[in-house]
Amino acid sequence: MKKQLASFRDFLATGVLGPVSPDMRLIEIAQALGSPDGWNISDGDPIPVYWFFGNLEISFDSIAPHSTNWFQIEGASQLEGEFEPLTKQLKVSLDGFSGATRPSEFLAAGLWDPTQASVYYAALSDDILLNVCAGGIRIHFQVDTSFIGNRDVIEFLNSSTVLQLVRNIDSRTKVDSIYSYPRKATEELPGVFNWQCLAGQDYLNLVR
């Protein structure tokens, strides 16, 4: 397979990562990337429909023609420097972004119209979940909640104004994973958590 270089900025703006697009079928992914490094197979699936290529993970529909459900860059908190070797055949030019890039920095980078982007947040146990969704892209962030101390996360969210919340957590994030969907991205596990939503522009206005 020919080695390729993809633009991280183009990926975030379009959902297309070099030769990989979220509207591709399994056979097309195999033609573009070759054999995966590994896969998972579930009971009842005739073929493996979750493939691993280094830190690139791809989920396919179990029914032929096995369209892509989504693909993700896993372990994105480790992205740093000028280039990242994502798979054996695919290197990414990070274009000034990294695993430490904040939600507000992504929203202000000219990748998307911030009025059309959304920021979702919710509490889960001792964690704060935060996702930025724009087009088919969803960026999932880890939030360092050590500043809360022994306070309950749900209580902290409920007692904070949106301004306090955004300014407290924006600088305490790091990228966890980045998903690309063949449809409009929304919050992770819809309906499972008590998600709150902000328009991307409103989030930016609160940070500034």
N, C-alpha and C. Protein backbone atom coordinates (compact mmCIF):
# COMPACT_ATOMS: atom_id res chain seq x y z
N MET A 1 0.83 -1.19 0.00
CA MET A 1 0.00 0.00 0.00
C MET A 1 0.88 1.26 0.00
N LYS A 2 0.47 2.25 -0.77
CA LYS A 2 1.20 3.51 -0.85
C LYS A 2 1.00 4.31 0.43
N LYS A 3 2.09 4.86 0.97
CA LYS A 3 1.99 5.70 2.16
C LYS A 3 1.41 7.06 1.78
N GLN A 4 0.57 7.58 2.67
CA GLN A 4 -0.13 8.82 2.37
C GLN A 4 -0.04 9.79 3.54
N LEU A 5 -0.16 11.08 3.21
CA LEU A 5 -0.14 12.15 4.21
C LEU A 5 -1.49 12.86 4.17
N ALA A 6 -2.14 12.95 5.32
CA ALA A 6 -3.44 13.61 5.41
C ALA A 6 -3.32 14.89 6.23
N SER A 7 -4.18 15.84 5.96
CA SER A 7 -4.24 17.09 6.72
C SER A 7 -5.25 16.95 7.85
N PHE A 8 -4.81 17.20 9.08
CA PHE A 8 -5.70 17.14 10.24
C PHE A 8 -6.75 18.24 10.15
N ARG A 9 -6.35 19.39 9.68
CA ARG A 9 -7.30 20.50 9.55
C ARG A 9 -8.40 20.14 8.56
N ASP A 10 -8.02 19.57 7.41
CA ASP A 10 -9.02 19.17 6.42
C ASP A 10 -9.95 18.10 7.00
N PHE A 11 -9.38 17.18 7.77
CA PHE A 11 -10.20 16.15 8.40
C PHE A 11 -11.25 16.76 9.31
N LEU A 12 -10.85 17.70 10.17
CA LEU A 12 -11.79 18.33 11.09
C LEU A 12 -12.87 19.11 10.34
N ALA A 13 -12.49 19.74 9.23
CA ALA A 13 -13.43 20.56 8.48
C ALA A 13 -14.40 19.74 7.64
N THR A 14 -13.96 18.58 7.15
CA THR A 14 -14.76 17.83 6.18
C THR A 14 -15.18 16.44 6.65
N GLY A 15 -14.50 15.89 7.66
CA GLY A 15 -14.76 14.52 8.08
C GLY A 15 -14.03 13.48 7.27
N VAL A 16 -13.28 13.91 6.27
CA VAL A 16 -12.52 12.99 5.40
C VAL A 16 -11.06 12.99 5.85
N LEU A 17 -10.52 11.82 6.13
CA LEU A 17 -9.15 11.68 6.62
C LEU A 17 -8.30 11.04 5.53
N GLY A 18 -7.68 11.88 4.70
CA GLY A 18 -6.87 11.34 3.61
C GLY A 18 -7.70 10.43 2.73
N PRO A 19 -7.35 9.15 2.62
CA PRO A 19 -8.10 8.24 1.76
C PRO A 19 -9.36 7.67 2.40
N VAL A 20 -9.65 8.06 3.65
CA VAL A 20 -10.76 7.46 4.39
C VAL A 20 -11.90 8.45 4.54
N SER A 21 -13.07 8.05 4.08
CA SER A 21 -14.27 8.88 4.17
C SER A 21 -15.35 8.10 4.92
N PRO A 22 -16.20 8.78 5.70
CA PRO A 22 -17.23 8.07 6.46
C PRO A 22 -18.33 7.47 5.60
N ASP A 23 -18.36 7.79 4.30
CA ASP A 23 -19.38 7.20 3.44
C ASP A 23 -18.87 5.97 2.67
N MET A 24 -17.69 5.47 3.06
CA MET A 24 -17.11 4.31 2.39
C MET A 24 -17.65 3.00 2.96
N ARG A 25 -17.59 1.96 2.13
CA ARG A 25 -17.96 0.62 2.56
C ARG A 25 -16.71 -0.14 2.99
N LEU A 26 -16.93 -1.25 3.66
CA LEU A 26 -15.81 -2.06 4.17
C LEU A 26 -14.82 -2.42 3.08
N ILE A 27 -15.30 -2.85 1.93
CA ILE A 27 -14.39 -3.27 0.86
C ILE A 27 -13.56 -2.09 0.37
N GLU A 28 -14.14 -0.89 0.39
CA GLU A 28 -13.41 0.29 -0.06
C GLU A 28 -12.35 0.69 0.96
N ILE A 29 -12.65 0.53 2.25
CA ILE A 29 -11.65 0.79 3.29
C ILE A 29 -10.49 -0.19 3.14
N ALA A 30 -10.80 -1.46 2.89
CA ALA A 30 -9.74 -2.46 2.71
C ALA A 30 -8.87 -2.12 1.52
N GLN A 31 -9.48 -1.62 0.44
CA GLN A 31 -8.70 -1.24 -0.74
C GLN A 31 -7.81 -0.03 -0.45
N ALA A 32 -8.31 0.87 0.39
CA ALA A 32 -7.56 2.09 0.68
C ALA A 32 -6.44 1.87 1.70
N LEU A 33 -6.69 1.02 2.72
CA LEU A 33 -5.75 0.88 3.84
C LEU A 33 -5.13 -0.51 3.96
N GLY A 34 -5.64 -1.47 3.21
CA GLY A 34 -5.11 -2.83 3.33
C GLY A 34 -5.74 -3.57 4.50
N SER A 35 -5.08 -4.62 4.92
CA SER A 35 -5.60 -5.44 6.02
C SER A 35 -5.43 -4.71 7.34
N PRO A 36 -6.42 -4.80 8.23
CA PRO A 36 -6.31 -4.12 9.53
C PRO A 36 -5.29 -4.80 10.43
N ASP A 37 -4.83 -4.07 11.45
CA ASP A 37 -3.93 -4.66 12.45
C ASP A 37 -4.68 -5.64 13.34
N GLY A 38 -5.99 -5.46 13.47
CA GLY A 38 -6.80 -6.34 14.29
C GLY A 38 -8.25 -5.99 14.13
N TRP A 39 -9.12 -6.80 14.74
CA TRP A 39 -10.55 -6.53 14.68
C TRP A 39 -11.26 -7.20 15.83
N ASN A 40 -12.49 -6.75 16.06
CA ASN A 40 -13.39 -7.41 17.01
C ASN A 40 -14.55 -8.01 16.22
N ILE A 41 -15.04 -9.15 16.68
CA ILE A 41 -16.20 -9.75 16.05
C ILE A 41 -17.21 -10.11 17.13
N SER A 42 -18.46 -9.76 16.90
CA SER A 42 -19.52 -10.04 17.86
C SER A 42 -20.27 -11.31 17.46
N ASP A 43 -20.89 -11.94 18.44
CA ASP A 43 -21.69 -13.13 18.17
C ASP A 43 -22.78 -12.78 17.15
N GLY A 44 -22.91 -13.62 16.16
CA GLY A 44 -23.94 -13.42 15.15
C GLY A 44 -23.49 -12.64 13.94
N ASP A 45 -22.35 -11.94 14.03
CA ASP A 45 -21.84 -11.21 12.86
C ASP A 45 -21.11 -12.18 11.94
N PRO A 46 -21.43 -12.18 10.66
CA PRO A 46 -20.76 -13.12 9.74
C PRO A 46 -19.30 -12.78 9.50
N ILE A 47 -18.93 -11.52 9.65
CA ILE A 47 -17.54 -11.08 9.46
C ILE A 47 -17.21 -10.06 10.54
N PRO A 48 -15.93 -9.81 10.79
CA PRO A 48 -15.57 -8.75 11.75
C PRO A 48 -15.98 -7.38 11.21
N VAL A 49 -16.67 -6.61 12.02
CA VAL A 49 -17.15 -5.30 11.56
C VAL A 49 -16.63 -4.16 12.43
N TYR A 50 -15.59 -4.43 13.24
CA TYR A 50 -14.90 -3.36 13.97
C TYR A 50 -13.42 -3.57 13.75
N TRP A 51 -12.80 -2.67 12.97
CA TRP A 51 -11.41 -2.84 12.55
C TRP A 51 -10.51 -1.82 13.23
N PHE A 52 -9.24 -2.22 13.43
CA PHE A 52 -8.22 -1.36 14.02
C PHE A 52 -7.07 -1.19 13.03
N PHE A 53 -6.70 0.04 12.77
CA PHE A 53 -5.49 0.37 12.02
C PHE A 53 -4.69 1.32 12.90
N GLY A 54 -3.78 0.81 13.73
CA GLY A 54 -3.11 1.69 14.66
C GLY A 54 -4.13 2.37 15.56
N ASN A 55 -4.09 3.71 15.60
CA ASN A 55 -5.05 4.47 16.40
C ASN A 55 -6.31 4.85 15.64
N LEU A 56 -6.44 4.34 14.42
CA LEU A 56 -7.65 4.56 13.64
C LEU A 56 -8.56 3.34 13.80
N GLU A 57 -9.77 3.57 14.30
CA GLU A 57 -10.72 2.48 14.52
C GLU A 57 -11.98 2.75 13.71
N ILE A 58 -12.49 1.71 13.08
CA ILE A 58 -13.62 1.87 12.15
C ILE A 58 -14.71 0.86 12.49
N SER A 59 -15.93 1.36 12.60
CA SER A 59 -17.10 0.51 12.85
C SER A 59 -17.93 0.43 11.57
N PHE A 60 -18.24 -0.82 11.16
CA PHE A 60 -19.05 -1.05 9.96
C PHE A 60 -20.41 -1.63 10.33
N ASP A 61 -21.37 -1.39 9.47
CA ASP A 61 -22.69 -2.02 9.62
C ASP A 61 -22.53 -3.53 9.40
N SER A 62 -23.24 -4.32 10.19
CA SER A 62 -23.12 -5.77 10.09
C SER A 62 -23.84 -6.34 8.88
N ILE A 63 -24.67 -5.53 8.21
CA ILE A 63 -25.42 -5.99 7.04
C ILE A 63 -24.73 -5.49 5.78
N ALA A 64 -24.56 -6.39 4.80
CA ALA A 64 -23.95 -6.02 3.53
C ALA A 64 -24.72 -4.86 2.90
N PRO A 65 -23.99 -3.88 2.30
CA PRO A 65 -22.57 -3.91 1.92
C PRO A 65 -21.61 -3.39 2.99
N HIS A 66 -22.01 -3.43 4.25
CA HIS A 66 -21.14 -3.07 5.37
C HIS A 66 -20.62 -1.63 5.27
N SER A 67 -21.56 -0.71 5.24
CA SER A 67 -21.21 0.71 5.21
C SER A 67 -20.56 1.11 6.52
N THR A 68 -19.80 2.18 6.49
CA THR A 68 -19.15 2.69 7.70
C THR A 68 -20.18 3.35 8.60
N ASN A 69 -20.23 2.91 9.87
CA ASN A 69 -21.05 3.60 10.87
C ASN A 69 -20.36 4.88 11.33
N TRP A 70 -19.06 4.76 11.58
CA TRP A 70 -18.21 5.87 11.97
C TRP A 70 -16.76 5.39 12.01
N PHE A 71 -15.84 6.32 11.99
CA PHE A 71 -14.46 5.98 12.33
C PHE A 71 -13.95 7.00 13.33
N GLN A 72 -12.93 6.61 14.08
CA GLN A 72 -12.42 7.50 15.11
C GLN A 72 -10.90 7.44 15.21
N ILE A 73 -10.32 8.56 15.63
CA ILE A 73 -8.93 8.60 16.06
C ILE A 73 -8.95 8.41 17.57
N GLU A 74 -8.48 7.25 18.02
CA GLU A 74 -8.44 6.94 19.45
C GLU A 74 -7.13 7.44 20.03
N GLY A 75 -7.12 7.71 21.34
CA GLY A 75 -5.89 8.17 22.00
C GLY A 75 -5.43 9.51 21.47
N ALA A 76 -6.38 10.38 21.11
CA ALA A 76 -6.02 11.65 20.49
C ALA A 76 -5.34 12.61 21.46
N SER A 77 -5.38 12.32 22.76
CA SER A 77 -4.68 13.18 23.72
C SER A 77 -3.17 13.16 23.49
N GLN A 78 -2.67 12.13 22.79
CA GLN A 78 -1.24 12.00 22.55
C GLN A 78 -0.77 12.72 21.28
N LEU A 79 -1.68 13.33 20.54
CA LEU A 79 -1.30 14.02 19.32
C LEU A 79 -0.43 15.23 19.65
N GLU A 80 0.76 15.29 19.05
CA GLU A 80 1.65 16.42 19.28
C GLU A 80 2.68 16.50 18.17
N GLY A 81 3.33 17.64 18.08
CA GLY A 81 4.35 17.83 17.06
C GLY A 81 3.77 18.22 15.71
N GLU A 82 4.56 18.05 14.66
CA GLU A 82 4.12 18.44 13.32
C GLU A 82 3.34 17.33 12.63
N PHE A 83 3.76 16.09 12.87
CA PHE A 83 3.15 14.96 12.19
C PHE A 83 2.85 13.84 13.18
N GLU A 84 1.82 13.05 12.86
CA GLU A 84 1.46 11.90 13.69
C GLU A 84 1.29 10.69 12.77
N PRO A 85 2.11 9.62 12.98
CA PRO A 85 1.90 8.39 12.21
C PRO A 85 0.68 7.65 12.75
N LEU A 86 -0.44 7.78 12.06
CA LEU A 86 -1.70 7.25 12.56
C LEU A 86 -1.81 5.74 12.33
N THR A 87 -1.44 5.30 11.15
CA THR A 87 -1.39 3.88 10.82
C THR A 87 -0.05 3.62 10.14
N LYS A 88 0.17 2.37 9.72
CA LYS A 88 1.42 2.04 9.03
C LYS A 88 1.53 2.78 7.70
N GLN A 89 0.38 3.09 7.11
CA GLN A 89 0.38 3.69 5.79
C GLN A 89 -0.08 5.14 5.77
N LEU A 90 -0.55 5.65 6.90
CA LEU A 90 -1.17 6.98 6.92
C LEU A 90 -0.56 7.86 8.00
N LYS A 91 0.04 8.96 7.56
CA LYS A 91 0.58 9.96 8.49
C LYS A 91 -0.28 11.21 8.39
N VAL A 92 -0.42 11.92 9.53
CA VAL A 92 -1.27 13.10 9.57
C VAL A 92 -0.43 14.33 9.89
N SER A 93 -0.57 15.37 9.08
CA SER A 93 0.01 16.66 9.39
C SER A 93 -0.93 17.37 10.35
N LEU A 94 -0.47 17.68 11.57
CA LEU A 94 -1.37 18.17 12.60
C LEU A 94 -1.76 19.64 12.43
N ASP A 95 -1.07 20.37 11.58
CA ASP A 95 -1.49 21.72 11.20
C ASP A 95 -1.68 22.65 12.39
N GLY A 96 -0.84 22.48 13.42
CA GLY A 96 -0.90 23.36 14.58
C GLY A 96 -1.82 22.91 15.69
N PHE A 97 -2.58 21.82 15.47
CA PHE A 97 -3.45 21.28 16.50
C PHE A 97 -2.72 20.20 17.29
N SER A 98 -3.27 19.83 18.44
CA SER A 98 -2.68 18.77 19.25
C SER A 98 -3.74 18.22 20.19
N GLY A 99 -3.34 17.25 20.98
CA GLY A 99 -4.25 16.71 21.97
C GLY A 99 -4.57 17.69 23.08
N ALA A 100 -3.79 18.78 23.17
CA ALA A 100 -4.02 19.80 24.19
C ALA A 100 -4.86 20.97 23.68
N THR A 101 -5.27 20.94 22.42
CA THR A 101 -6.09 22.02 21.87
C THR A 101 -7.43 22.08 22.60
N ARG A 102 -7.82 23.25 23.04
CA ARG A 102 -9.04 23.43 23.84
C ARG A 102 -10.28 23.46 22.94
N PRO A 103 -11.45 23.19 23.52
CA PRO A 103 -12.69 23.32 22.74
C PRO A 103 -12.82 24.69 22.10
N SER A 104 -12.53 25.76 22.86
CA SER A 104 -12.67 27.11 22.32
C SER A 104 -11.71 27.35 21.16
N GLU A 105 -10.53 26.73 21.21
CA GLU A 105 -9.55 26.91 20.13
C GLU A 105 -10.00 26.21 18.86
N PHE A 106 -10.61 25.03 18.99
CA PHE A 106 -11.18 24.38 17.81
C PHE A 106 -12.29 25.23 17.21
N LEU A 107 -13.16 25.76 18.06
CA LEU A 107 -14.31 26.54 17.60
C LEU A 107 -13.89 27.85 16.95
N ALA A 108 -12.76 28.41 17.37
CA ALA A 108 -12.29 29.69 16.84
C ALA A 108 -11.32 29.54 15.67
N ALA A 109 -11.06 28.31 15.23
CA ALA A 109 -10.00 28.06 14.25
C ALA A 109 -10.46 28.20 12.81
N GLY A 110 -11.71 28.58 12.58
CA GLY A 110 -12.19 28.73 11.21
C GLY A 110 -12.49 27.42 10.51
N LEU A 111 -12.63 26.36 11.28
CA LEU A 111 -12.94 25.05 10.71
C LEU A 111 -14.40 24.95 10.30
N TRP A 112 -15.27 25.54 11.11
CA TRP A 112 -16.71 25.47 10.91
C TRP A 112 -17.31 26.82 11.27
N ASP A 113 -18.53 27.02 10.85
CA ASP A 113 -19.30 28.17 11.31
C ASP A 113 -19.69 27.89 12.76
N PRO A 114 -19.17 28.64 13.74
CA PRO A 114 -19.45 28.34 15.15
C PRO A 114 -20.92 28.45 15.52
N THR A 115 -21.70 29.16 14.71
CA THR A 115 -23.13 29.21 15.00
C THR A 115 -23.83 27.91 14.64
N GLN A 116 -23.15 27.08 13.83
CA GLN A 116 -23.72 25.79 13.44
C GLN A 116 -23.12 24.63 14.23
N ALA A 117 -22.12 24.91 15.05
CA ALA A 117 -21.50 23.88 15.91
C ALA A 117 -22.22 23.86 17.25
N SER A 118 -22.10 22.73 17.96
CA SER A 118 -22.73 22.58 19.27
C SER A 118 -21.73 22.03 20.26
N VAL A 119 -21.87 22.45 21.51
CA VAL A 119 -21.07 21.93 22.61
C VAL A 119 -22.03 21.27 23.60
N TYR A 120 -21.82 19.97 23.85
CA TYR A 120 -22.65 19.22 24.78
C TYR A 120 -21.84 18.90 26.03
N TYR A 121 -22.47 18.99 27.19
CA TYR A 121 -21.79 18.62 28.42
C TYR A 121 -22.76 17.92 29.36
N ALA A 122 -22.21 17.05 30.20
CA ALA A 122 -23.02 16.29 31.15
C ALA A 122 -22.11 15.73 32.23
N ALA A 123 -22.71 15.25 33.30
CA ALA A 123 -21.96 14.62 34.39
C ALA A 123 -22.10 13.12 34.30
N LEU A 124 -21.01 12.42 34.60
CA LEU A 124 -21.01 10.96 34.67
C LEU A 124 -20.12 10.56 35.82
N SER A 125 -20.71 10.09 36.91
CA SER A 125 -19.94 9.71 38.10
C SER A 125 -19.11 10.91 38.55
N ASP A 126 -17.77 10.77 38.55
CA ASP A 126 -16.90 11.87 38.97
C ASP A 126 -16.35 12.66 37.79
N ASP A 127 -16.91 12.43 36.61
CA ASP A 127 -16.38 13.05 35.40
C ASP A 127 -17.37 14.04 34.80
N ILE A 128 -16.82 15.00 34.05
CA ILE A 128 -17.62 15.87 33.22
C ILE A 128 -17.37 15.45 31.77
N LEU A 129 -18.43 15.11 31.06
CA LEU A 129 -18.34 14.78 29.64
C LEU A 129 -18.50 16.06 28.84
N LEU A 130 -17.68 16.23 27.80
CA LEU A 130 -17.81 17.40 26.95
C LEU A 130 -17.49 17.00 25.51
N ASN A 131 -18.42 17.33 24.61
CA ASN A 131 -18.24 17.03 23.19
C ASN A 131 -18.48 18.29 22.37
N VAL A 132 -17.64 18.49 21.37
CA VAL A 132 -17.90 19.51 20.36
C VAL A 132 -18.35 18.78 19.09
N CYS A 133 -19.51 19.15 18.57
CA CYS A 133 -20.06 18.52 17.38
C CYS A 133 -20.23 19.57 16.29
N ALA A 134 -19.72 19.26 15.10
CA ALA A 134 -19.86 20.16 13.96
C ALA A 134 -19.91 19.32 12.70
N GLY A 135 -20.99 19.43 11.96
CA GLY A 135 -21.15 18.57 10.79
C GLY A 135 -21.12 17.12 11.22
N GLY A 136 -20.30 16.31 10.55
CA GLY A 136 -20.17 14.90 10.91
C GLY A 136 -19.09 14.62 11.93
N ILE A 137 -18.44 15.66 12.46
CA ILE A 137 -17.34 15.49 13.41
C ILE A 137 -17.82 15.64 14.85
N ARG A 138 -17.37 14.73 15.72
CA ARG A 138 -17.57 14.89 17.16
C ARG A 138 -16.23 14.74 17.84
N ILE A 139 -15.81 15.77 18.59
CA ILE A 139 -14.57 15.71 19.36
C ILE A 139 -14.94 15.50 20.83
N HIS A 140 -14.48 14.40 21.38
CA HIS A 140 -14.77 14.08 22.78
C HIS A 140 -13.57 14.48 23.63
N PHE A 141 -13.84 15.24 24.70
CA PHE A 141 -12.79 15.75 25.57
C PHE A 141 -12.84 15.10 26.94
N GLN A 142 -11.68 14.91 27.53
CA GLN A 142 -11.56 14.59 28.95
C GLN A 142 -11.46 15.92 29.70
N VAL A 143 -12.10 16.00 30.85
CA VAL A 143 -12.04 17.21 31.68
C VAL A 143 -11.40 16.86 33.02
N ASP A 144 -10.36 17.60 33.38
CA ASP A 144 -9.71 17.42 34.68
C ASP A 144 -10.59 18.06 35.75
N THR A 145 -11.22 17.23 36.57
CA THR A 145 -12.17 17.75 37.58
C THR A 145 -11.54 17.86 38.97
N SER A 146 -10.21 17.80 39.05
CA SER A 146 -9.56 17.86 40.36
C SER A 146 -9.82 19.20 41.05
N PHE A 147 -10.10 20.26 40.28
CA PHE A 147 -10.34 21.57 40.88
C PHE A 147 -11.64 21.60 41.68
N ILE A 148 -12.52 20.63 41.44
CA ILE A 148 -13.78 20.58 42.17
C ILE A 148 -13.58 20.07 43.60
N GLY A 149 -12.47 19.35 43.81
CA GLY A 149 -12.21 18.78 45.12
C GLY A 149 -13.14 17.62 45.42
N ASN A 150 -13.71 17.62 46.59
CA ASN A 150 -14.60 16.53 47.01
C ASN A 150 -16.07 16.77 46.65
N ARG A 151 -16.33 17.86 45.96
CA ARG A 151 -17.72 18.17 45.60
C ARG A 151 -18.24 17.16 44.58
N ASP A 152 -19.52 16.89 44.65
CA ASP A 152 -20.19 16.03 43.68
C ASP A 152 -20.27 16.76 42.34
N VAL A 153 -19.95 16.05 41.26
CA VAL A 153 -19.90 16.69 39.94
C VAL A 153 -21.28 17.18 39.52
N ILE A 154 -22.31 16.39 39.77
CA ILE A 154 -23.66 16.81 39.40
C ILE A 154 -24.05 18.07 40.17
N GLU A 155 -23.72 18.10 41.47
CA GLU A 155 -24.02 19.27 42.28
C GLU A 155 -23.24 20.48 41.77
N PHE A 156 -21.99 20.27 41.37
CA PHE A 156 -21.18 21.37 40.83
C PHE A 156 -21.82 21.94 39.57
N LEU A 157 -22.24 21.06 38.65
CA LEU A 157 -22.86 21.53 37.42
C LEU A 157 -24.15 22.29 37.71
N ASN A 158 -24.94 21.77 38.63
CA ASN A 158 -26.23 22.38 38.92
C ASN A 158 -26.09 23.73 39.63
N SER A 159 -25.01 23.90 40.38
CA SER A 159 -24.85 25.14 41.15
C SER A 159 -24.03 26.19 40.41
N SER A 160 -23.44 25.83 39.27
CA SER A 160 -22.61 26.78 38.51
C SER A 160 -23.44 27.48 37.44
N THR A 161 -23.17 28.76 37.22
CA THR A 161 -23.74 29.41 36.05
C THR A 161 -23.02 28.86 34.81
N VAL A 162 -23.62 29.02 33.66
CA VAL A 162 -22.99 28.55 32.43
C VAL A 162 -21.66 29.27 32.22
N LEU A 163 -21.60 30.55 32.53
CA LEU A 163 -20.36 31.31 32.41
C LEU A 163 -19.27 30.71 33.31
N GLN A 164 -19.58 30.45 34.56
CA GLN A 164 -18.61 29.86 35.49
C GLN A 164 -18.15 28.49 34.99
N LEU A 165 -19.10 27.69 34.53
CA LEU A 165 -18.77 26.35 34.08
C LEU A 165 -17.81 26.38 32.90
N VAL A 166 -18.16 27.14 31.88
CA VAL A 166 -17.33 27.17 30.67
C VAL A 166 -15.94 27.69 30.98
N ARG A 167 -15.83 28.74 31.76
CA ARG A 167 -14.51 29.30 32.05
C ARG A 167 -13.70 28.39 32.96
N ASN A 168 -14.37 27.59 33.76
CA ASN A 168 -13.65 26.64 34.63
C ASN A 168 -13.12 25.43 33.86
N ILE A 169 -13.88 24.96 32.88
CA ILE A 169 -13.50 23.69 32.28
C ILE A 169 -12.75 23.82 30.95
N ASP A 170 -12.90 24.94 30.23
CA ASP A 170 -12.29 25.02 28.90
C ASP A 170 -10.78 24.81 28.95
N SER A 171 -10.11 25.38 29.94
CA SER A 171 -8.66 25.26 30.05
C SER A 171 -8.22 23.96 30.71
N ARG A 172 -9.19 23.16 31.15
CA ARG A 172 -8.86 21.91 31.84
C ARG A 172 -9.24 20.68 31.01
N THR A 173 -9.26 20.86 29.72
CA THR A 173 -9.63 19.76 28.82
C THR A 173 -8.41 19.25 28.06
N LYS A 174 -8.54 18.02 27.60
CA LYS A 174 -7.64 17.49 26.58
C LYS A 174 -8.47 16.57 25.69
N VAL A 175 -8.06 16.48 24.44
CA VAL A 175 -8.82 15.68 23.48
C VAL A 175 -8.69 14.20 23.85
N ASP A 176 -9.80 13.50 23.82
CA ASP A 176 -9.79 12.07 24.09
C ASP A 176 -9.88 11.27 22.80
N SER A 177 -10.89 11.53 21.99
CA SER A 177 -11.06 10.85 20.72
C SER A 177 -11.85 11.75 19.77
N ILE A 178 -11.69 11.48 18.47
CA ILE A 178 -12.36 12.28 17.45
C ILE A 178 -13.08 11.33 16.49
N TYR A 179 -14.38 11.53 16.34
CA TYR A 179 -15.21 10.67 15.51
C TYR A 179 -15.63 11.39 14.24
N SER A 180 -15.76 10.62 13.17
CA SER A 180 -16.33 11.13 11.92
C SER A 180 -17.49 10.23 11.52
N TYR A 181 -18.65 10.83 11.29
CA TYR A 181 -19.88 10.10 10.96
C TYR A 181 -20.34 10.45 9.54
N PRO A 182 -21.07 9.55 8.90
CA PRO A 182 -21.66 9.87 7.59
C PRO A 182 -22.95 10.67 7.71
N ARG A 183 -23.22 11.17 8.89
CA ARG A 183 -24.43 11.95 9.17
C ARG A 183 -24.05 13.03 10.18
N LYS A 184 -24.98 13.87 10.52
CA LYS A 184 -24.72 14.95 11.48
C LYS A 184 -24.41 14.35 12.85
N ALA A 185 -23.31 14.77 13.44
CA ALA A 185 -22.91 14.26 14.76
C ALA A 185 -23.70 14.96 15.85
N THR A 186 -23.94 14.23 16.92
CA THR A 186 -24.65 14.81 18.05
C THR A 186 -23.98 14.31 19.33
N GLU A 187 -24.65 14.47 20.47
CA GLU A 187 -24.02 14.09 21.72
C GLU A 187 -23.75 12.59 21.78
N GLU A 188 -22.77 12.21 22.59
CA GLU A 188 -22.44 10.80 22.76
C GLU A 188 -23.54 10.11 23.58
N LEU A 189 -23.96 8.93 23.14
CA LEU A 189 -25.01 8.16 23.81
C LEU A 189 -26.25 9.02 24.07
N PRO A 190 -26.92 9.45 23.02
CA PRO A 190 -28.10 10.31 23.20
C PRO A 190 -29.14 9.68 24.12
N GLY A 191 -29.67 10.49 25.03
CA GLY A 191 -30.71 10.03 25.93
C GLY A 191 -30.23 9.35 27.18
N VAL A 192 -28.94 9.00 27.24
CA VAL A 192 -28.42 8.28 28.40
C VAL A 192 -28.11 9.23 29.54
N PHE A 193 -27.55 10.39 29.23
CA PHE A 193 -27.19 11.36 30.25
C PHE A 193 -28.04 12.61 30.10
N ASN A 194 -28.02 13.44 31.13
CA ASN A 194 -28.77 14.69 31.10
C ASN A 194 -27.94 15.76 30.39
N TRP A 195 -27.84 15.62 29.06
CA TRP A 195 -26.99 16.51 28.30
C TRP A 195 -27.53 17.94 28.28
N GLN A 196 -26.62 18.88 28.41
CA GLN A 196 -26.92 20.29 28.21
C GLN A 196 -26.21 20.72 26.93
N CYS A 197 -26.78 21.66 26.22
CA CYS A 197 -26.22 22.04 24.92
C CYS A 197 -26.04 23.54 24.82
N LEU A 198 -24.91 23.94 24.26
CA LEU A 198 -24.63 25.34 23.94
C LEU A 198 -24.28 25.44 22.46
N ALA A 199 -24.73 26.49 21.80
CA ALA A 199 -24.24 26.77 20.46
C ALA A 199 -22.75 27.10 20.54
N GLY A 200 -22.01 26.70 19.53
CA GLY A 200 -20.57 26.95 19.54
C GLY A 200 -20.22 28.40 19.71
N GLN A 201 -20.97 29.30 19.06
CA GLN A 201 -20.70 30.73 19.19
C GLN A 201 -20.95 31.21 20.61
N ASP A 202 -22.01 30.70 21.25
CA ASP A 202 -22.29 31.09 22.64
C ASP A 202 -21.16 30.63 23.56
N TYR A 203 -20.64 29.44 23.31
CA TYR A 203 -19.52 28.92 24.11
C TYR A 203 -18.32 29.86 23.96
N LEU A 204 -18.02 30.23 22.73
CA LEU A 204 -16.89 31.14 22.49
C LEU A 204 -17.10 32.48 23.20
N ASN A 205 -18.30 33.00 23.12
CA ASN A 205 -18.57 34.29 23.76
C ASN A 205 -18.36 34.22 25.27
N LEU A 206 -18.68 33.07 25.87
CA LEU A 206 -18.51 32.92 27.31
C LEU A 206 -17.04 32.81 27.70
N VAL A 207 -16.25 32.19 26.86
CA VAL A 207 -14.81 32.03 27.15
C VAL A 207 -14.10 33.37 27.04
N ARG A 208 -14.51 34.19 26.14
CA ARG A 208 -13.77 35.45 25.84
C ARG A 208 -14.00 36.50 26.91
